[in-house]
Amino acid sequence: MSNWRLMMPTTEAYLLDKVLYELHHKPDDLAAYNADKDAYLARFKLTPDMAAMISGNDVAGLYEAGVNPYLLRAHCIGVRIPEDVSLAALRSLMKEGDDKWLN
């Protein structure tokens, strides 16, 4: 279950949220990230899997890890993940019957 559905965020979700917030809300961070993703992400205490989700633009993985949906959307826009790609990643997580609210 993702952290935004829980009362308290998981440690992993908190760290991922922190990275995405700083990446897209601090003036020079996106440029630093684009220049050297590994060096930028090394500033945070991320596991290799967590860093790979961010640098690999794993939209579905970040969502399932509990990343705040608004921060995930900002990340997709900030690193120019096409909307159809990000939505397809999220839709891949839907289970049968989850689409009732779309009708």
Protein backbone atom coordinates (compact mmCIF):
# COMPACT_ATOMS: atom_id res chain seq x y z
CA MET A 1 0.00 0.00 0.00
CA SER A 2 1.35 3.45 -0.90
CA ASN A 3 2.18 6.03 1.73
CA TRP A 4 -0.30 8.64 0.56
CA ARG A 5 -3.00 6.14 1.41
CA LEU A 6 -1.55 5.52 4.88
CA MET A 7 -1.69 7.75 7.93
CA MET A 8 2.10 8.08 8.06
CA PRO A 9 4.52 8.04 5.10
CA THR A 10 7.09 5.28 4.92
CA THR A 11 10.74 6.29 5.26
CA GLU A 12 11.31 5.37 1.63
CA ALA A 13 8.38 7.49 0.45
CA TYR A 14 9.53 10.43 2.58
CA LEU A 15 13.03 10.34 1.09
CA LEU A 16 11.73 10.02 -2.45
CA ASP A 17 9.33 12.91 -1.88
CA LYS A 18 12.14 15.02 -0.45
CA VAL A 19 14.34 14.42 -3.49
CA LEU A 20 11.55 15.20 -5.95
CA TYR A 21 10.53 18.29 -4.02
CA GLU A 22 14.05 19.69 -3.92
CA LEU A 23 14.73 18.69 -7.50
CA HIS A 24 11.79 20.67 -8.81
CA HIS A 25 11.50 23.49 -6.26
CA LYS A 26 15.06 24.67 -5.72
CA PRO A 27 16.37 26.94 -8.47
CA ASP A 28 19.60 25.16 -9.44
CA ASP A 29 18.76 21.59 -8.55
CA LEU A 30 17.24 20.51 -11.86
CA ALA A 31 20.29 21.79 -13.74
CA ALA A 32 22.59 19.93 -11.33
CA TYR A 33 20.52 16.77 -11.75
CA ASN A 34 20.56 17.02 -15.53
CA ALA A 35 24.33 17.60 -15.49
CA ASP A 36 25.07 14.52 -13.35
CA LYS A 37 22.18 12.45 -12.03
CA ASP A 38 24.37 10.14 -9.96
CA ALA A 39 26.21 12.99 -8.24
CA TYR A 40 22.98 14.82 -7.51
CA LEU A 41 21.25 11.74 -6.08
CA ALA A 42 24.33 10.85 -4.01
CA ARG A 43 23.53 13.89 -1.83
CA PHE A 44 20.58 11.96 -0.40
CA LYS A 45 20.57 8.73 1.59
CA LEU A 46 18.80 6.71 -1.07
CA THR A 47 19.12 3.00 -1.65
CA PRO A 48 20.39 2.05 -5.11
CA ASP A 49 16.84 0.95 -6.01
CA MET A 50 15.39 4.30 -4.95
CA ALA A 51 17.99 6.24 -6.94
CA ALA A 52 17.34 4.01 -9.95
CA MET A 53 13.59 4.71 -9.79
CA ILE A 54 14.25 8.45 -9.97
CA SER A 55 17.04 8.45 -12.55
CA GLY A 56 15.24 5.83 -14.64
CA ASN A 57 11.97 7.76 -14.55
CA ASP A 58 10.13 4.71 -13.21
CA VAL A 59 6.74 6.39 -12.85
CA ALA A 60 4.93 3.21 -11.79
CA GLY A 61 7.67 2.27 -9.33
CA LEU A 62 7.70 5.72 -7.75
CA TYR A 63 3.93 5.68 -7.42
CA GLU A 64 3.93 2.24 -5.82
CA ALA A 65 6.75 3.33 -3.48
CA GLY A 66 4.34 5.93 -2.14
CA VAL A 67 5.58 9.11 -3.80
CA ASN A 68 3.13 11.97 -3.44
CA PRO A 69 1.14 12.07 -6.71
CA TYR A 70 1.60 15.85 -7.04
CA LEU A 71 5.38 15.55 -6.68
CA LEU A 72 5.38 12.67 -9.15
CA ARG A 73 3.44 14.78 -11.65
CA ALA A 74 5.86 17.69 -11.16
CA HIS A 75 8.76 15.30 -11.79
CA CYS A 76 7.19 14.01 -14.99
CA ILE A 77 6.75 17.56 -16.24
CA GLY A 78 10.19 18.70 -15.03
CA VAL A 79 12.12 15.92 -16.74
CA ARG A 80 9.82 16.00 -19.76
CA ILE A 81 8.29 12.55 -19.54
CA PRO A 82 5.56 12.63 -22.18
CA GLU A 83 2.09 12.62 -20.61
CA ASP A 84 0.99 9.55 -22.55
CA VAL A 85 4.03 7.66 -21.22
CA SER A 86 3.45 8.65 -17.59
CA LEU A 87 -0.28 7.89 -17.80
CA ALA A 88 0.40 4.51 -19.42
CA ALA A 89 2.76 3.66 -16.56
CA LEU A 90 0.11 4.54 -13.99
CA ARG A 91 -2.62 2.72 -15.88
CA SER A 92 -0.45 -0.40 -15.93
CA LEU A 93 -0.95 -0.55 -12.15
CA MET A 94 -4.74 -0.65 -12.35
CA LYS A 95 -6.47 -3.87 -11.48
CA GLU A 96 -9.62 -5.07 -13.17
CA GLY A 97 -12.54 -3.03 -11.90
CA ASP A 98 -10.39 -0.07 -10.84
CA ASP A 99 -11.57 1.90 -13.86
CA LYS A 100 -15.16 2.30 -12.61
CA TRP A 101 -14.48 5.90 -11.61
CA LEU A 102 -13.35 6.72 -15.17
CA ASN A 103 -16.84 6.19 -16.60
